[in-house]
Amino acid sequence: MGINNQTPISTSESLISLDIAQALLREEVRNLHKHYGNASLVNMLSMLNFDRQFVRARGIRLWDSDGQDYLDFLGGYGSLNLGHNHPQIIAALQQVNEMPNLLQASMPTMAAALLHNLAVITPGKLKRSFLGNSGAEAVEGALKLARTATERKTFIYCRNSFHGKSFGALSVTGRDKYRKPFDPLLSECVEIPFGDINALRRTLKEHQAAAFIVEPIQGEGGINTPPPGYLPEAARACRESGTLFIVDEIQTGFGRTGAMFACQHENVEPDIMCLAKSLGGGLIPIGAFITTDDIWNKAYGSIEKATLHTSTFGGNTWAATAGVATIEILVKENLAGAAEEKGRYFISGLKVLQKKYPLLQEVRGRGLLIGIELAQPGNVANKATLGVVSKLSNEYLGSMVAVELLNKHRIVTAYTLNNPNVIRLEPPLIVTKEEIDYVLNALEDVLKHHKGFLSFAATSVKTVLSSIRKK
């Protein structure tokens, strides 16, 4: 059962019902996205054969419309710490399906429980949370909180950081590719190198900053870990200058790095922490920022200021329930401990491959937030092509490796947004060592048969031509 994929549907003529939507064929889905969504993205995914139609998911596994199964080592960019369609999250949502989901003229029951639980599991004096709908919203709220609490304007952020693509979050995101088309962004935002404590101290002396925002491990920057001691020193430097220390745990939080929150590896206590992604159990969008009593009261601690920052859907019953259930599962099953153990195992296996294959230049990360950086072409190839090969390799080699892993081994991965030369490996925390071994063997197969960018490019051309012929 399907629809005519030659003629785009007009809502004035007919609507697609839920039953018809579930029966759409892969080609029909692609056609609808192409006509009514981001056509350029559709073309890119289609060329690389990344436009598969996935129809079922459970845990770490996916199934497409042809009945083939896949391993998900992308994990929703850190949103699927519990895996796909966790049965306990689904059961929790069914348990509250008769409660009002949206009722602003009230104090929602499940939101109250989630607010309490966030205060219990977060470090230091963090206590008061605001519940929103996404990571970018959490960052926006944290920036607003910092400005009104300190009555300062400047924000300090790190090169290669990623905090979201809304205006405020983008203003403290460290890659020009995503920033420049939307200039001018927020004024008085100052960029410094990640992991350089002296640069932070100099900047704090030069500016009366409202906040310094940092990821404990840069995700989209290429899974970059700071030097030991950097985060505690950064927190200390900020407090000495009256600047609030914002830790963005949107991707690193909820067990991903082997601790409930990555900043806890060094006993760091943020002034504000941003949360999202896996807080929704992989099923419901939810974001939050949490801060101390003192900072909250400076910003919103009066009746006059109580409605300065609100959200229509923030704290709704289903989202809050997903959050409560997610935290319960993480704690009861000690999934942070599992991530630490399996991450060590995975990284150890990857470093064995690194020694055998020069194309695998570096392995880095913590827990199950892992990046593998690929080597760039040698000087001879680069000079012969006036730098073209190097430029193309830096932008596309990661995606070519991801294509090989998907098409040949049915493993879902992707590159990091700010460093496309890095493949991210972020499986759900419930991944088994057998599944990790499968990925290690697949990666070795890919590395064994390709020596560099030109070899991958030839394979990718074949994939593109094959995809075009099929479509």
Protein backbone atom coordinates (compact mmCIF):
# COMPACT_ATOMS: atom_id res chain seq x y z
CA MET A 1 0.00 0.00 0.00
CA GLY A 2 1.39 3.42 -0.93
CA ILE A 3 0.75 6.69 -2.68
CA ASN A 4 1.61 7.93 -6.14
CA ASN A 5 5.20 9.09 -5.75
CA GLN A 6 5.20 11.01 -9.03
CA THR A 7 2.81 13.73 -7.87
CA PRO A 8 3.32 15.59 -4.58
CA ILE A 9 0.28 15.46 -2.32
CA SER A 10 -1.54 18.74 -1.74
CA THR A 11 -3.24 19.04 1.63
CA SER A 12 -6.08 20.83 -0.17
CA GLU A 13 -6.76 17.57 -2.05
CA SER A 14 -6.07 14.89 0.53
CA LEU A 15 -4.32 14.23 3.81
CA ILE A 16 -2.10 11.31 4.70
CA SER A 17 -3.70 9.36 7.51
CA LEU A 18 -1.74 7.54 10.18
CA ASP A 19 -2.54 4.18 8.58
CA ILE A 20 -1.36 5.35 5.16
CA ALA A 21 1.74 6.97 6.66
CA GLN A 22 2.79 3.69 8.26
CA ALA A 23 2.42 1.95 4.89
CA LEU A 24 4.51 4.46 2.90
CA LEU A 25 7.28 2.90 0.84
CA ARG A 26 10.90 4.04 0.98
CA GLU A 27 10.65 5.82 -2.35
CA GLU A 28 7.45 7.58 -1.29
CA VAL A 29 9.00 8.75 1.96
CA ARG A 30 11.98 10.16 0.07
CA ASN A 31 9.67 11.90 -2.40
CA LEU A 32 7.63 13.57 0.36
CA HIS A 33 10.76 14.81 2.13
CA LYS A 34 12.10 16.10 -1.17
CA HIS A 35 8.97 18.07 -1.99
CA TYR A 36 8.05 19.37 1.45
CA GLY A 37 11.26 19.30 3.50
CA ASN A 38 14.99 19.83 3.00
CA ALA A 39 15.50 18.67 -0.61
CA SER A 40 19.27 19.27 -0.54
CA LEU A 41 19.63 17.01 2.50
CA VAL A 42 17.51 14.37 0.78
CA ASN A 43 19.79 14.49 -2.26
CA MET A 44 22.91 14.14 -0.13
CA LEU A 45 21.55 11.20 1.88
CA SER A 46 20.21 9.51 -1.24
CA MET A 47 23.55 9.69 -3.07
CA LEU A 48 25.31 7.95 -0.20
CA ASN A 49 22.53 5.39 0.21
CA PHE A 50 21.80 6.84 3.66
CA ASP A 51 18.10 7.17 2.88
CA ARG A 52 17.11 3.75 4.13
CA GLN A 53 13.64 3.41 5.58
CA PHE A 54 13.93 2.07 9.12
CA VAL A 55 10.68 0.52 10.28
CA ARG A 56 11.53 -1.07 13.63
CA ALA A 57 13.92 -0.42 16.51
CA ARG A 58 14.67 -2.02 19.86
CA GLY A 59 17.70 -1.55 22.08
CA ILE A 60 20.78 -1.12 19.91
CA ARG A 61 19.24 -2.69 16.80
CA LEU A 62 17.36 -1.26 13.81
CA TRP A 63 15.48 -2.99 10.98
CA ASP A 64 14.85 -1.51 7.54
CA SER A 65 11.95 -2.04 5.15
CA ASP A 66 13.91 -4.82 3.40
CA GLY A 67 14.15 -6.79 6.65
CA GLN A 68 17.87 -6.17 7.20
CA ASP A 69 19.07 -5.48 10.73
CA TYR A 70 21.67 -2.87 11.78
CA LEU A 71 23.68 -1.89 14.85
CA ASP A 72 23.15 1.71 15.96
CA PHE A 73 26.54 3.10 17.05
CA LEU A 74 25.38 6.68 16.57
CA GLY A 75 22.89 6.56 19.44
CA GLY A 76 20.94 9.67 18.49
CA TYR A 77 24.03 11.87 19.09
CA GLY A 78 23.89 10.84 22.73
CA SER A 79 20.08 10.77 23.03
CA LEU A 80 19.77 7.00 23.21
CA ASN A 81 21.74 6.03 26.31
CA LEU A 82 18.98 3.51 27.07
CA GLY A 83 18.63 2.41 23.45
CA HIS A 84 15.58 2.51 21.20
CA ASN A 85 12.06 2.06 22.56
CA HIS A 86 13.07 0.99 26.04
CA PRO A 87 10.12 -1.06 27.36
CA GLN A 88 10.23 0.53 30.84
CA ILE A 89 10.00 4.04 29.39
CA ILE A 90 7.06 2.99 27.22
CA ALA A 91 5.38 1.35 30.23
CA ALA A 92 5.92 4.51 32.29
CA LEU A 93 4.24 6.63 29.60
CA GLN A 94 1.30 4.25 29.47
CA GLN A 95 1.03 4.50 33.26
CA VAL A 96 0.34 8.26 33.05
CA ASN A 97 -1.73 8.30 29.88
CA GLU A 98 -4.85 9.54 31.68
CA MET A 99 -3.16 12.41 33.51
CA PRO A 100 -3.39 15.90 31.95
CA ASN A 101 -0.32 16.37 29.78
CA LEU A 102 -0.50 20.16 29.35
CA LEU A 103 -2.11 22.30 32.00
CA GLN A 104 -0.18 25.51 32.64
CA ALA A 105 -2.52 26.79 35.36
CA SER A 106 -1.23 24.14 37.75
CA MET A 107 1.90 22.61 39.23
CA PRO A 108 2.34 19.31 37.32
CA THR A 109 2.85 16.23 39.46
CA MET A 110 5.46 14.43 37.36
CA ALA A 111 7.44 17.62 36.82
CA ALA A 112 7.69 17.99 40.60
CA ALA A 113 9.18 14.52 40.88
CA LEU A 114 11.67 15.18 38.07
CA LEU A 115 12.78 18.50 39.57
CA HIS A 116 13.54 16.69 42.85
CA ASN A 117 15.38 13.83 41.15
CA LEU A 118 17.57 16.17 39.12
CA ALA A 119 18.62 17.91 42.31
CA VAL A 120 19.50 14.53 43.85
CA ILE A 121 21.74 13.26 41.02
CA THR A 122 23.53 16.47 40.01
CA PRO A 123 26.74 17.61 41.74
CA GLY A 124 27.33 20.23 44.41
CA LYS A 125 24.68 22.77 45.32
CA LEU A 126 22.72 22.45 42.06
CA LYS A 127 19.08 22.45 43.08
CA ARG A 128 16.62 24.51 41.01
CA SER A 129 15.78 23.40 37.48
CA PHE A 130 13.87 24.82 34.56
CA LEU A 131 12.32 22.20 32.27
CA GLY A 132 12.23 22.88 28.53
CA ASN A 133 12.22 20.88 25.32
CA SER A 134 15.73 20.64 23.84
CA GLY A 135 19.43 21.15 24.36
CA ALA A 136 19.48 24.46 22.53
CA GLU A 137 16.66 25.68 24.77
CA ALA A 138 18.60 24.61 27.84
CA VAL A 139 21.59 26.65 26.66
CA GLU A 140 19.41 29.65 25.86
CA GLY A 141 17.93 29.49 29.35
CA ALA A 142 21.34 29.15 30.96
CA LEU A 143 22.66 32.21 29.11
CA LYS A 144 19.62 34.28 30.08
CA LEU A 145 19.95 33.15 33.69
CA ALA A 146 23.63 34.14 33.77
CA ARG A 147 22.98 37.60 32.36
CA THR A 148 20.16 38.51 34.70
CA ALA A 149 21.83 36.98 37.79
CA THR A 150 25.18 38.73 37.24
CA GLU A 151 23.94 41.88 35.43
CA ARG A 152 26.85 41.36 33.02
CA LYS A 153 26.70 40.88 29.25
CA THR A 154 29.80 39.05 28.00
CA PHE A 155 29.95 35.30 27.39
CA ILE A 156 33.16 33.30 26.96
CA TYR A 157 33.09 30.10 24.92
CA CYS A 158 35.54 27.67 23.32
CA ARG A 159 36.77 27.15 19.78
CA ASN A 160 35.21 24.04 18.19
CA SER A 161 32.45 24.01 20.79
CA PHE A 162 28.88 23.11 19.94
CA HIS A 163 25.96 24.32 22.06
CA GLY A 164 23.09 24.40 19.55
CA LYS A 165 21.82 26.29 16.51
CA SER A 166 19.32 28.77 17.94
CA PHE A 167 20.62 32.36 18.03
CA GLY A 168 21.91 32.46 21.58
CA ALA A 169 23.33 28.94 21.53
CA LEU A 170 24.89 29.56 18.11
CA SER A 171 26.53 32.72 19.43
CA VAL A 172 28.62 30.56 21.78
CA THR A 173 29.23 27.76 19.26
CA GLY A 174 32.73 27.67 17.88
CA ARG A 175 32.51 26.94 14.15
CA ASP A 176 32.13 29.68 11.53
CA LYS A 177 30.36 27.38 9.07
CA TYR A 178 27.26 27.44 11.24
CA ARG A 179 27.63 31.03 12.48
CA LYS A 180 28.44 33.24 9.51
CA PRO A 181 25.20 32.82 7.51
CA PHE A 182 23.29 34.23 10.50
CA ASP A 183 25.49 37.17 11.48
CA PRO A 184 25.14 39.34 13.44
CA LEU A 185 24.67 37.03 16.41
CA LEU A 186 24.74 38.05 20.07
CA SER A 187 27.35 40.72 20.68
CA GLU A 188 30.05 40.45 23.35
CA CYS A 189 30.78 36.75 22.92
CA VAL A 190 34.48 35.93 23.18
CA GLU A 191 36.09 32.75 21.82
CA ILE A 192 39.10 31.09 23.47
CA PRO A 193 40.98 27.81 22.83
CA PHE A 194 39.52 24.73 24.51
CA GLY A 195 41.60 23.34 27.35
CA ASP A 196 43.84 26.42 27.67
CA ILE A 197 43.48 27.62 31.27
CA ASN A 198 45.84 30.58 30.75
CA ALA A 199 43.73 31.85 27.86
CA LEU A 200 40.65 31.67 30.08
CA ARG A 201 42.37 33.54 32.90
CA ARG A 202 43.54 36.31 30.53
CA THR A 203 40.06 36.67 29.07
CA LEU A 204 38.45 36.81 32.51
CA LYS A 205 40.80 39.70 33.38
CA GLU A 206 39.98 41.54 30.15
CA HIS A 207 36.19 41.15 30.37
CA GLN A 208 33.64 41.25 33.13
CA ALA A 209 31.92 38.14 31.84
CA ALA A 210 28.50 36.87 32.84
CA ALA A 211 29.52 33.27 32.17
CA PHE A 212 32.01 30.86 30.68
CA ILE A 213 30.25 27.96 28.93
CA VAL A 214 32.13 24.74 28.22
CA GLU A 215 31.57 21.09 27.35
CA PRO A 216 33.49 18.72 29.65
CA ILE A 217 34.29 16.77 26.47
CA GLN A 218 33.73 18.48 23.13
CA GLY A 219 31.32 16.27 21.19
CA GLU A 220 30.83 17.90 17.80
CA GLY A 221 34.34 19.36 18.00
CA GLY A 222 35.70 15.86 17.48
CA ILE A 223 35.40 14.15 20.90
CA ASN A 224 38.09 16.37 22.40
CA THR A 225 38.99 15.82 26.06
CA PRO A 226 40.61 18.67 28.03
CA PRO A 227 43.90 18.29 29.90
CA PRO A 228 43.58 16.83 33.42
CA GLY A 229 42.78 19.57 35.91
CA TYR A 230 41.43 22.00 33.32
CA LEU A 231 37.80 21.90 34.44
CA PRO A 232 38.51 22.36 38.18
CA GLU A 233 40.90 25.22 37.40
CA ALA A 234 38.36 26.81 35.05
CA ALA A 235 35.67 26.63 37.74
CA ARG A 236 38.03 28.22 40.27
CA ALA A 237 39.08 31.01 37.88
CA CYS A 238 35.46 31.83 37.11
CA ARG A 239 34.46 32.07 40.76
CA GLU A 240 37.42 34.30 41.54
CA SER A 241 36.26 36.72 38.84
CA GLY A 242 32.53 36.62 39.63
CA THR A 243 31.81 34.80 36.35
CA LEU A 244 29.33 31.92 36.34
CA PHE A 245 30.65 28.52 35.24
CA ILE A 246 28.22 26.80 32.86
CA VAL A 247 28.86 23.14 32.05
CA ASP A 248 27.06 21.80 28.98
CA GLU A 249 26.35 18.13 29.74
CA ILE A 250 23.75 17.77 26.98
CA GLN A 251 25.71 15.07 25.16
CA THR A 252 28.01 13.88 27.96
CA GLY A 253 25.39 13.50 30.68
CA PHE A 254 23.40 10.60 32.08
CA GLY A 255 26.16 8.01 32.20
CA ARG A 256 27.64 8.49 28.73
CA THR A 257 31.27 8.97 29.85
CA GLY A 258 31.33 6.50 32.75
CA ALA A 259 29.97 8.88 35.41
CA MET A 260 26.46 10.24 35.74
CA PHE A 261 27.89 13.56 34.52
CA ALA A 262 31.30 14.03 32.91
CA CYS A 263 32.29 16.89 35.22
CA GLN A 264 32.09 14.48 38.15
CA HIS A 265 35.24 12.68 37.00
CA GLU A 266 37.14 15.60 38.55
CA ASN A 267 34.61 16.55 41.23
CA VAL A 268 33.69 19.78 39.43
CA GLU A 269 30.65 21.68 40.71
CA PRO A 270 29.13 23.95 38.03
CA ASP A 271 27.10 27.05 38.76
CA ILE A 272 24.73 26.08 35.96
CA MET A 273 24.42 22.78 34.12
CA CYS A 274 22.64 22.19 30.80
CA LEU A 275 20.89 18.85 30.20
CA ALA A 276 18.87 17.25 27.41
CA LYS A 277 19.19 14.38 24.91
CA SER A 278 19.04 11.14 26.98
CA LEU A 279 16.96 12.75 29.71
CA GLY A 280 13.92 11.84 27.57
CA GLY A 281 14.80 8.15 27.50
CA GLY A 282 15.15 8.23 23.72
CA LEU A 283 11.42 8.78 23.30
CA ILE A 284 10.34 12.26 24.42
CA PRO A 285 12.11 15.59 23.72
CA ILE A 286 13.12 17.31 26.95
CA GLY A 287 15.82 19.73 28.07
CA ALA A 288 16.67 21.41 31.35
CA PHE A 289 19.10 23.71 33.05
CA ILE A 290 19.81 23.47 36.76
CA THR A 291 21.44 25.99 39.09
CA THR A 292 21.91 26.86 42.75
CA ASP A 293 19.41 28.51 45.08
CA ASP A 294 21.48 31.68 45.20
CA ILE A 295 21.79 32.14 41.44
CA TRP A 296 18.14 31.28 40.79
CA ASN A 297 16.94 33.75 43.39
CA LYS A 298 19.06 36.54 41.94
CA ALA A 299 17.50 35.95 38.55
CA TYR A 300 13.91 34.87 39.22
CA GLY A 301 13.42 35.01 42.98
CA SER A 302 10.44 37.32 43.16
CA ILE A 303 6.84 37.37 41.99
CA GLU A 304 7.69 40.14 39.52
CA LYS A 305 10.38 37.96 37.90
CA ALA A 306 8.61 34.59 38.16
CA THR A 307 7.40 34.60 34.54
CA LEU A 308 10.49 36.05 32.85
CA HIS A 309 11.42 32.62 31.44
CA THR A 310 8.66 30.12 30.62
CA SER A 311 7.84 27.35 28.13
CA THR A 312 4.49 26.07 26.86
CA PHE A 313 5.55 22.43 26.66
CA GLY A 314 8.26 22.50 29.32
CA GLY A 315 7.57 20.07 32.16
CA ASN A 316 4.64 18.37 30.45
CA THR A 317 3.57 15.10 32.00
CA TRP A 318 4.89 12.74 29.32
CA ALA A 319 8.30 14.42 29.09
CA ALA A 320 8.72 14.58 32.87
CA THR A 321 7.62 10.95 33.22
CA ALA A 322 10.22 9.90 30.65
CA GLY A 323 12.83 11.81 32.65
CA VAL A 324 11.83 10.19 35.96
CA ALA A 325 11.86 6.71 34.43
CA THR A 326 15.18 7.31 32.66
CA ILE A 327 16.96 8.37 35.84
CA GLU A 328 15.52 5.39 37.71
CA ILE A 329 16.84 2.95 35.09
CA LEU A 330 20.26 4.60 34.92
CA VAL A 331 20.71 4.42 38.69
CA LYS A 332 19.24 0.94 39.27
CA GLU A 333 21.22 -0.67 36.46
CA ASN A 334 24.40 1.37 37.08
CA LEU A 335 24.67 2.14 33.38
CA ALA A 336 27.36 4.74 34.05
CA GLY A 337 29.55 1.96 35.45
CA ALA A 338 28.72 -0.20 32.43
CA ALA A 339 29.72 2.64 30.11
CA GLU A 340 33.05 3.01 31.89
CA GLU A 341 33.84 -0.72 31.62
CA LYS A 342 32.68 -1.17 28.02
CA GLY A 343 34.30 2.10 26.99
CA ARG A 344 37.69 0.91 28.23
CA TYR A 345 37.19 -2.33 26.31
CA PHE A 346 36.17 -0.51 23.13
CA ILE A 347 38.97 2.07 23.27
CA SER A 348 41.53 -0.67 23.91
CA GLY A 349 40.36 -2.52 20.79
CA LEU A 350 40.44 0.65 18.72
CA LYS A 351 44.01 1.40 19.82
CA VAL A 352 45.06 -2.05 18.63
CA LEU A 353 43.68 -1.11 15.21
CA GLN A 354 45.44 2.26 15.39
CA LYS A 355 48.81 0.51 15.71
CA LYS A 356 48.07 -1.69 12.68
CA TYR A 357 46.55 0.86 10.29
CA PRO A 358 48.11 4.31 9.72
CA LEU A 359 44.81 5.66 8.38
CA LEU A 360 43.44 5.51 11.93
CA GLN A 361 45.41 8.44 13.29
CA GLU A 362 43.98 8.89 16.79
CA VAL A 363 41.52 7.33 19.22
CA ARG A 364 40.10 9.52 21.98
CA GLY A 365 37.16 9.83 24.33
CA ARG A 366 35.85 8.55 27.62
CA GLY A 367 33.31 5.88 28.44
CA LEU A 368 31.11 5.33 25.40
CA LEU A 369 31.73 8.77 23.91
CA ILE A 370 34.51 7.86 21.47
CA GLY A 371 36.00 9.51 18.40
CA ILE A 372 38.42 8.10 15.84
CA GLU A 373 40.31 10.65 13.76
CA LEU A 374 41.45 9.69 10.28
CA ALA A 375 44.85 10.57 8.81
CA GLN A 376 45.10 13.21 6.09
CA PRO A 377 46.77 12.59 2.69
CA GLY A 378 50.55 12.84 2.45
CA ASN A 379 52.42 15.85 1.10
CA VAL A 380 52.97 14.34 -2.35
CA ALA A 381 49.27 13.86 -3.10
CA ASN A 382 48.46 17.22 -1.57
CA LYS A 383 51.06 19.15 -3.57
CA ALA A 384 50.13 17.37 -6.78
CA THR A 385 46.53 18.54 -6.43
CA LEU A 386 47.32 22.02 -5.05
CA GLY A 387 45.73 21.13 -1.72
CA VAL A 388 42.44 19.93 -3.21
CA VAL A 389 42.83 16.34 -1.96
CA SER A 390 43.59 17.51 1.56
CA LYS A 391 40.58 19.82 1.63
CA LEU A 392 38.22 17.15 0.29
CA SER A 393 39.64 14.55 2.65
CA ASN A 394 39.16 16.80 5.68
CA GLU A 395 35.50 17.38 4.81
CA TYR A 396 34.45 14.01 3.39
CA LEU A 397 36.71 11.16 4.52
CA GLY A 398 34.71 10.64 7.70
CA SER A 399 31.45 10.37 5.78
CA MET A 400 33.04 7.91 3.34
CA VAL A 401 34.08 5.62 6.20
CA ALA A 402 30.56 5.90 7.63
CA VAL A 403 29.15 4.92 4.22
CA GLU A 404 31.37 1.82 4.13
CA LEU A 405 30.33 0.79 7.63
CA LEU A 406 26.66 1.24 6.77
CA ASN A 407 26.55 -0.30 3.30
CA LYS A 408 28.98 -3.16 3.87
CA HIS A 409 28.51 -3.98 7.56
CA ARG A 410 25.12 -2.45 8.46
CA ILE A 411 26.53 -0.25 11.24
CA VAL A 412 25.08 3.24 11.73
CA THR A 413 27.69 5.91 12.55
CA ALA A 414 28.39 9.52 11.56
CA TYR A 415 31.10 12.16 11.68
CA THR A 416 31.21 15.01 14.19
CA LEU A 417 29.76 18.32 12.97
CA ASN A 418 32.72 20.59 13.75
CA ASN A 419 35.34 18.06 12.68
CA PRO A 420 34.04 15.91 9.79
CA ASN A 421 37.31 13.95 9.82
CA VAL A 422 36.30 12.27 13.09
CA ILE A 423 33.94 9.30 13.24
CA ARG A 424 31.85 9.26 16.40
CA LEU A 425 31.06 6.00 18.18
CA GLU A 426 28.22 6.52 20.69
CA PRO A 427 26.28 3.30 21.10
CA PRO A 428 23.56 2.97 23.73
CA LEU A 429 25.01 2.16 27.15
CA ILE A 430 23.33 -1.24 27.00
CA VAL A 431 25.68 -2.34 24.18
CA THR A 432 27.33 -5.76 24.64
CA LYS A 433 31.00 -6.64 24.20
CA GLU A 434 29.96 -8.97 21.36
CA GLU A 435 28.42 -6.02 19.52
CA ILE A 436 31.54 -3.94 20.16
CA ASP A 437 33.64 -6.80 18.74
CA TYR A 438 31.49 -6.85 15.62
CA VAL A 439 32.16 -3.14 15.07
CA LEU A 440 35.89 -3.56 15.70
CA ASN A 441 36.04 -6.36 13.12
CA ALA A 442 34.04 -4.32 10.63
CA LEU A 443 36.27 -1.30 11.09
CA GLU A 444 39.35 -3.48 10.58
CA ASP A 445 37.84 -4.80 7.36
CA VAL A 446 37.29 -1.24 6.13
CA LEU A 447 40.80 -0.10 7.10
CA LYS A 448 42.39 -3.22 5.59
CA HIS A 449 40.90 -2.57 2.17
CA HIS A 450 41.50 1.19 1.99
CA LYS A 451 44.78 3.05 2.33
CA GLY A 452 43.49 6.60 2.20
CA PHE A 453 41.15 9.22 0.80
CA LEU A 454 41.55 8.34 -2.91
CA SER A 455 40.69 4.70 -2.27
CA PHE A 456 37.56 5.68 -0.32
CA ALA A 457 36.66 8.23 -2.99
CA ALA A 458 36.66 5.55 -5.68
CA THR A 459 34.35 3.37 -3.59
CA SER A 460 32.07 6.31 -2.83
CA VAL A 461 31.73 7.12 -6.55
CA LYS A 462 30.57 3.55 -7.13
CA THR A 463 28.04 3.93 -4.29
CA VAL A 464 26.70 7.19 -5.73
CA LEU A 465 26.40 5.75 -9.26
CA SER A 466 24.69 2.64 -7.92
CA SER A 467 22.26 4.77 -5.89
CA ILE A 468 21.43 6.92 -8.91
CA ARG A 469 20.78 3.86 -11.08
CA LYS A 470 18.41 2.41 -8.45
CA LYS A 471 16.47 5.67 -8.17
